[in-house]
């Protein structure tokens, strides 16, 4: 019998990709979300529900991949963020401990806040004020609170990993406003010839973009290995500026420049101008993990652009 895995947040972009990837590689996947997913393969329900916890505690699942969360980085309701992103996730980790399941969960690269250098950021940098500011909003605070609380689970015997995703993207992503990856928003608008609004002070700002397939491979690799519990950065390890990204758009479009309008940045004090993950810890845990070099990132970006252009032609 295939190993059983519970994937929460499976109607979301990353959760859905992870669930599909695990099923494709032979796992018996139970997928759950508050929303229905395309195809009807996701159970509708709250991951905090007692019946689901009873199943986890019973040992039904050999692994839990927890992707459910409030993902709006501008959400200011701290009680909601704690319930969904921190205390709710900790309760699920407790159930996984009782049931003997490996527990992987989605953390966030936003926990580092304003990074005070221009080199890849390591996991321990979040503890050094000289290297980064720490969380810039309640969303990031809720993720870092979970990361810190999970440390106690190691001594209690839980095999767990918190994955600090950078900017995950892929062709075919359903754009959902600001919840969508910024790179997919830009590439799609450029392919369609739509205007792109960018903050005027961010043309040299850089982001670490990582293809969803790279994330799925890392999740699968961790579930198949005896890794050291802890928090792991999960990105490409490359920083691409918005200027370079717009250059890619022009190349993909046969030389046509994107229609860009520069607007004032309303949140300069809460804006991450640089994200680039040091993924050496994850590479050490997963020697067979290919990661994503800059050519892989650029190739996936071109696939997003082409997908958007084909969709426009089909309208």
Protein backbone atom coordinates (compact mmCIF):
# COMPACT_ATOMS: atom_id res chain seq x y z
CA UNK A 1 0.00 0.00 0.00
CA UNK A 2 1.22 3.51 -0.81
CA UNK A 3 2.16 5.75 2.09
CA UNK A 4 -0.67 8.05 3.10
CA UNK A 5 -0.09 11.79 3.25
CA UNK A 6 -2.40 14.60 4.32
CA UNK A 7 -1.99 17.87 2.39
CA UNK A 8 -3.80 20.89 3.83
CA UNK A 9 -4.43 24.05 1.83
CA UNK A 10 -4.69 21.85 -1.26
CA UNK A 11 -6.92 24.27 -3.17
CA UNK A 12 -4.16 26.86 -3.05
CA UNK A 13 -1.45 27.28 -5.65
CA UNK A 14 1.42 25.62 -3.78
CA UNK A 15 -0.69 23.12 -1.86
CA UNK A 16 -2.42 21.99 -5.03
CA UNK A 17 0.87 21.51 -6.87
CA UNK A 18 2.35 19.57 -3.95
CA UNK A 19 -0.71 17.30 -3.68
CA UNK A 20 -0.67 16.55 -7.41
CA UNK A 21 3.07 15.89 -7.41
CA UNK A 22 2.92 13.49 -4.48
CA UNK A 23 0.02 11.60 -6.00
CA UNK A 24 1.88 11.36 -9.31
CA UNK A 25 4.82 9.82 -7.46
CA UNK A 26 2.77 7.11 -5.78
CA UNK A 27 1.58 8.64 -2.52
CA UNK A 28 -1.97 8.06 -1.29
CA UNK A 29 -2.99 11.72 -0.90
CA UNK A 30 -5.80 13.10 1.21
CA UNK A 31 -6.23 16.76 0.25
CA UNK A 32 -8.23 19.27 2.30
CA UNK A 33 -9.05 22.96 2.06
CA UNK A 34 -11.77 25.39 3.05
CA UNK A 35 -12.41 25.90 -0.67
CA UNK A 36 -13.26 23.42 -3.37
CA UNK A 37 -10.45 22.81 -5.85
CA UNK A 38 -10.80 22.35 -9.63
CA UNK A 39 -11.59 18.72 -10.41
CA UNK A 40 -13.32 18.08 -7.10
CA UNK A 41 -10.47 16.02 -5.62
CA UNK A 42 -10.07 18.19 -2.52
CA UNK A 43 -12.20 17.65 0.58
CA UNK A 44 -13.83 20.80 1.88
CA UNK A 45 -13.10 21.36 5.54
CA UNK A 46 -11.11 23.18 8.19
CA UNK A 47 -7.75 21.61 8.97
CA UNK A 48 -8.40 22.47 12.62
CA UNK A 49 -11.49 20.23 12.75
CA UNK A 50 -11.51 17.53 15.47
CA UNK A 51 -12.38 14.69 13.08
CA UNK A 52 -9.31 15.37 10.94
CA UNK A 53 -7.11 15.61 14.02
CA UNK A 54 -8.47 12.28 15.22
CA UNK A 55 -7.41 10.73 11.92
CA UNK A 56 -3.92 12.20 12.19
CA UNK A 57 -3.57 11.08 15.81
CA UNK A 58 -4.74 7.58 14.92
CA UNK A 59 -1.68 7.04 12.74
CA UNK A 60 -3.61 6.99 9.48
CA UNK A 61 -1.03 9.24 7.79
CA UNK A 62 2.71 8.72 7.59
CA UNK A 63 3.15 12.40 6.74
CA UNK A 64 1.34 15.73 6.99
CA UNK A 65 2.24 18.51 4.55
CA UNK A 66 0.63 21.61 6.01
CA UNK A 67 0.09 24.38 3.45
CA UNK A 68 -3.10 25.96 4.80
CA UNK A 69 -2.71 29.51 6.08
CA UNK A 70 -3.89 33.07 5.83
CA UNK A 71 -1.53 34.12 3.03
CA UNK A 72 -2.49 37.79 2.75
CA UNK A 73 0.64 39.68 3.82
CA UNK A 74 -1.47 42.80 4.46
CA UNK A 75 -3.84 41.04 6.87
CA UNK A 76 -3.87 42.97 10.16
CA UNK A 77 -6.16 40.70 12.22
CA UNK A 78 -3.64 39.22 14.64
CA UNK A 79 -6.17 36.89 16.26
CA UNK A 80 -7.03 35.39 12.88
CA UNK A 81 -3.36 35.06 11.94
CA UNK A 82 -2.57 33.34 15.23
CA UNK A 83 -5.51 30.95 14.89
CA UNK A 84 -4.70 29.95 11.32
CA UNK A 85 -0.94 30.41 10.98
CA UNK A 86 0.45 29.75 14.45
CA UNK A 87 -1.65 28.04 17.13
CA UNK A 88 -3.69 26.05 14.63
CA UNK A 89 -0.54 24.75 12.95
CA UNK A 90 1.01 23.88 16.32
CA UNK A 91 -2.08 21.85 17.23
CA UNK A 92 -1.77 19.92 13.96
CA UNK A 93 1.92 19.30 14.73
CA UNK A 94 0.89 17.90 18.13
CA UNK A 95 -1.50 15.50 16.41
CA UNK A 96 1.23 14.47 13.98
CA UNK A 97 3.52 13.74 16.93
CA UNK A 98 0.90 11.49 18.52
CA UNK A 99 0.25 9.73 15.23
CA UNK A 100 3.92 9.27 14.36
CA UNK A 101 3.68 11.34 11.16
CA UNK A 102 6.41 13.44 9.59
CA UNK A 103 5.29 17.08 9.66
CA UNK A 104 6.23 19.59 6.95
CA UNK A 105 4.75 23.08 6.94
CA UNK A 106 4.90 26.27 4.92
CA UNK A 107 6.85 29.04 6.59
CA UNK A 108 7.79 32.20 4.70
CA UNK A 109 10.85 34.14 3.62
CA UNK A 110 9.00 37.24 4.84
CA UNK A 111 10.19 36.44 8.38
CA UNK A 112 13.55 38.05 7.56
CA UNK A 113 12.00 41.44 6.80
CA UNK A 114 14.37 44.15 5.61
CA UNK A 115 17.65 42.43 4.77
CA UNK A 116 20.66 44.59 5.55
CA UNK A 117 23.11 43.04 3.08
CA UNK A 118 23.11 41.87 -0.54
CA UNK A 119 24.16 38.25 -0.16
CA UNK A 120 22.00 35.12 0.26
CA UNK A 121 20.22 34.94 3.61
CA UNK A 122 20.79 31.96 5.91
CA UNK A 123 18.21 30.57 8.32
CA UNK A 124 19.93 31.88 11.46
CA UNK A 125 20.16 35.44 10.09
CA UNK A 126 16.66 36.12 11.41
CA UNK A 127 18.11 36.13 14.94
CA UNK A 128 20.68 38.86 14.16
CA UNK A 129 19.38 42.45 14.01
CA UNK A 130 22.54 43.50 12.20
CA UNK A 131 21.66 41.19 9.29
CA UNK A 132 17.90 41.66 8.98
CA UNK A 133 15.07 43.59 10.59
CA UNK A 134 12.81 40.63 11.27
CA UNK A 135 9.07 40.62 10.44
CA UNK A 136 7.63 43.79 8.91
CA UNK A 137 3.96 42.85 9.30
CA UNK A 138 1.66 40.66 11.43
CA UNK A 139 1.60 37.94 8.75
CA UNK A 140 5.38 37.49 8.96
CA UNK A 141 5.20 37.65 12.75
CA UNK A 142 2.72 34.75 12.76
CA UNK A 143 5.05 32.64 10.62
CA UNK A 144 8.13 33.36 12.72
CA UNK A 145 6.17 32.61 15.91
CA UNK A 146 5.39 29.16 14.50
CA UNK A 147 9.02 28.57 13.51
CA UNK A 148 10.19 29.40 17.02
CA UNK A 149 7.51 27.35 18.77
CA UNK A 150 8.29 24.30 16.63
CA UNK A 151 11.83 24.07 18.03
CA UNK A 152 10.46 22.39 21.16
CA UNK A 153 8.92 19.65 19.02
CA UNK A 154 12.35 18.29 18.13
CA UNK A 155 13.11 17.21 21.71
CA UNK A 156 9.70 15.60 21.87
CA UNK A 157 10.52 13.34 18.93
CA UNK A 158 8.66 14.91 16.00
CA UNK A 159 10.35 14.76 12.60
CA UNK A 160 9.47 18.17 11.17
CA UNK A 161 10.61 20.86 8.76
CA UNK A 162 9.44 24.43 8.25
CA UNK A 163 9.99 25.56 4.66
CA UNK A 164 10.67 29.27 4.20
CA UNK A 165 9.44 29.71 0.63
CA UNK A 166 10.66 32.65 -1.37
CA UNK A 167 8.52 33.58 -4.43
CA UNK A 168 7.02 30.37 -5.82
CA UNK A 169 5.64 30.50 -9.36
CA UNK A 170 4.73 28.31 -12.34
CA UNK A 171 3.04 28.38 -15.72
CA UNK A 172 -0.71 27.98 -15.41
CA UNK A 173 -0.97 29.74 -12.05
CA UNK A 174 -4.47 31.15 -11.60
CA UNK A 175 -3.93 34.82 -10.84
CA UNK A 176 -5.79 35.95 -7.73
CA UNK A 177 -4.86 39.58 -7.19
CA UNK A 178 -2.12 40.31 -4.71
CA UNK A 179 -2.20 36.68 -3.51
CA UNK A 180 -0.58 35.71 -6.82
CA UNK A 181 3.18 35.63 -7.28
CA UNK A 182 4.48 39.01 -8.45
CA UNK A 183 6.55 37.41 -11.21
CA UNK A 184 3.49 35.68 -12.70
CA UNK A 185 1.53 38.92 -12.53
CA UNK A 186 4.26 40.82 -14.40
CA UNK A 187 4.86 38.12 -17.01
CA UNK A 188 1.15 37.67 -17.68
CA UNK A 189 0.49 41.39 -18.05
CA UNK A 190 3.51 41.78 -20.33
CA UNK A 191 2.38 38.88 -22.53
CA UNK A 192 -1.08 40.40 -22.84
CA UNK A 193 0.22 43.91 -23.47
CA UNK A 194 -1.46 45.20 -20.30
CA UNK A 195 -0.03 48.02 -18.24
CA UNK A 196 2.25 47.00 -15.36
CA UNK A 197 2.28 49.19 -12.25
CA UNK A 198 5.53 49.02 -10.27
CA UNK A 199 6.69 51.02 -7.29
CA UNK A 200 9.06 53.74 -8.46
CA UNK A 201 11.68 52.87 -5.83
CA UNK A 202 11.81 49.16 -6.69
CA UNK A 203 13.25 48.93 -10.21
CA UNK A 204 16.52 47.70 -8.70
CA UNK A 205 14.79 45.66 -6.01
CA UNK A 206 15.45 41.94 -6.40
CA UNK A 207 13.50 38.79 -5.66
CA UNK A 208 14.36 35.12 -5.33
CA UNK A 209 11.95 33.31 -7.66
CA UNK A 210 11.62 29.53 -7.41
CA UNK A 211 9.60 27.27 -9.75
CA UNK A 212 6.84 25.26 -8.11
CA UNK A 213 8.36 22.05 -9.51
CA UNK A 214 11.54 22.76 -7.53
CA UNK A 215 9.48 23.18 -4.36
CA UNK A 216 7.59 19.94 -5.02
CA UNK A 217 10.84 18.05 -5.52
CA UNK A 218 12.16 19.34 -2.20
CA UNK A 219 8.98 18.35 -0.34
CA UNK A 220 9.07 14.89 -1.88
CA UNK A 221 12.77 14.56 -1.09
CA UNK A 222 12.25 15.42 2.56
CA UNK A 223 9.42 12.92 2.90
CA UNK A 224 11.68 10.24 1.46
CA UNK A 225 14.66 11.01 3.70
CA UNK A 226 15.78 11.04 7.32
CA UNK A 227 16.55 14.76 7.58
CA UNK A 228 17.47 16.83 10.62
CA UNK A 229 14.41 18.60 12.06
CA UNK A 230 14.39 22.39 11.70
CA UNK A 231 13.67 25.33 9.44
CA UNK A 232 14.95 25.35 5.85
CA UNK A 233 15.07 28.09 3.25
CA UNK A 234 13.44 26.99 0.02
CA UNK A 235 14.23 29.22 -2.94
CA UNK A 236 16.42 29.26 -6.01
CA UNK A 237 19.33 31.07 -4.36
CA UNK A 238 19.32 33.72 -7.13
CA UNK A 239 18.11 37.32 -6.95
CA UNK A 240 16.48 38.76 -10.08
CA UNK A 241 15.76 42.49 -10.21
CA UNK A 242 12.52 43.89 -11.55
CA UNK A 243 14.60 45.58 -14.23
CA UNK A 244 16.04 42.24 -15.34
CA UNK A 245 12.58 40.67 -15.24
CA UNK A 246 11.23 43.39 -17.54
CA UNK A 247 14.20 42.68 -19.82
CA UNK A 248 13.15 39.04 -19.97
CA UNK A 249 9.62 40.13 -20.88
CA UNK A 250 10.97 42.16 -23.79
CA UNK A 251 13.02 39.19 -25.01
CA UNK A 252 10.10 36.79 -24.70
CA UNK A 253 7.93 39.25 -26.60
CA UNK A 254 10.29 39.56 -29.55
CA UNK A 255 11.77 42.87 -28.46
CA UNK A 256 8.54 44.62 -27.51
CA UNK A 257 9.06 46.52 -24.23
CA UNK A 258 6.53 46.13 -21.47
CA UNK A 259 4.11 48.96 -20.72
CA UNK A 260 5.31 50.04 -17.27
CA UNK A 261 3.94 52.82 -15.07
CA UNK A 262 5.93 53.78 -11.98
CA UNK A 263 3.83 54.65 -8.95
CA UNK A 264 4.63 55.76 -5.41
CA UNK A 265 5.40 53.04 -2.90
CA UNK A 266 2.88 53.43 -0.05
CA UNK A 267 4.74 51.04 2.28
CA UNK A 268 8.50 51.73 1.92
CA UNK A 269 9.03 50.97 5.62
CA UNK A 270 7.42 47.52 5.23
CA UNK A 271 8.78 46.55 1.83
CA UNK A 272 11.38 43.83 1.22
CA UNK A 273 13.75 45.29 -1.38
CA UNK A 274 15.98 42.20 -1.48
CA UNK A 275 15.22 38.50 -1.14
CA UNK A 276 17.72 35.78 -1.88
CA UNK A 277 17.84 32.48 -0.03
CA UNK A 278 20.93 30.63 1.08
CA UNK A 279 19.77 27.07 0.34
CA UNK A 280 22.96 25.31 1.40
CA UNK A 281 21.26 23.78 4.46
CA UNK A 282 18.56 22.20 2.29
CA UNK A 283 21.12 21.00 -0.24
CA UNK A 284 23.06 19.31 2.56
CA UNK A 285 19.87 17.59 3.74
CA UNK A 286 18.92 16.53 0.19
CA UNK A 287 22.06 15.73 -1.83
CA UNK A 288 19.91 14.57 -4.75
CA UNK A 289 17.84 17.75 -4.91
CA UNK A 290 18.56 19.59 -8.17
CA UNK A 291 17.39 22.99 -6.97
CA UNK A 292 16.95 25.69 -9.61
CA UNK A 293 19.77 27.61 -11.28
CA UNK A 294 19.06 30.93 -13.00
CA UNK A 295 18.51 29.20 -16.36
CA UNK A 296 15.77 27.05 -14.81
CA UNK A 297 14.14 30.13 -13.31
CA UNK A 298 14.32 31.99 -16.63
CA UNK A 299 12.95 28.95 -18.48
CA UNK A 300 9.94 28.75 -16.17
CA UNK A 301 9.42 32.50 -16.58
CA UNK A 302 9.31 32.04 -20.36
CA UNK A 303 6.79 29.21 -19.90
CA UNK A 304 4.56 31.55 -17.87
CA UNK A 305 4.83 34.22 -20.58
CA UNK A 306 4.04 31.74 -23.36
CA UNK A 307 1.10 30.29 -21.42
CA UNK A 308 -0.39 33.76 -20.99
CA UNK A 309 0.15 34.59 -24.67
CA UNK A 310 -1.57 31.36 -25.79
CA UNK A 311 -4.48 32.02 -23.44
CA UNK A 312 -4.87 35.50 -24.92
CA UNK A 313 -4.87 34.09 -28.46
CA UNK A 314 -7.58 31.61 -27.49
CA UNK A 315 -9.95 34.28 -26.15
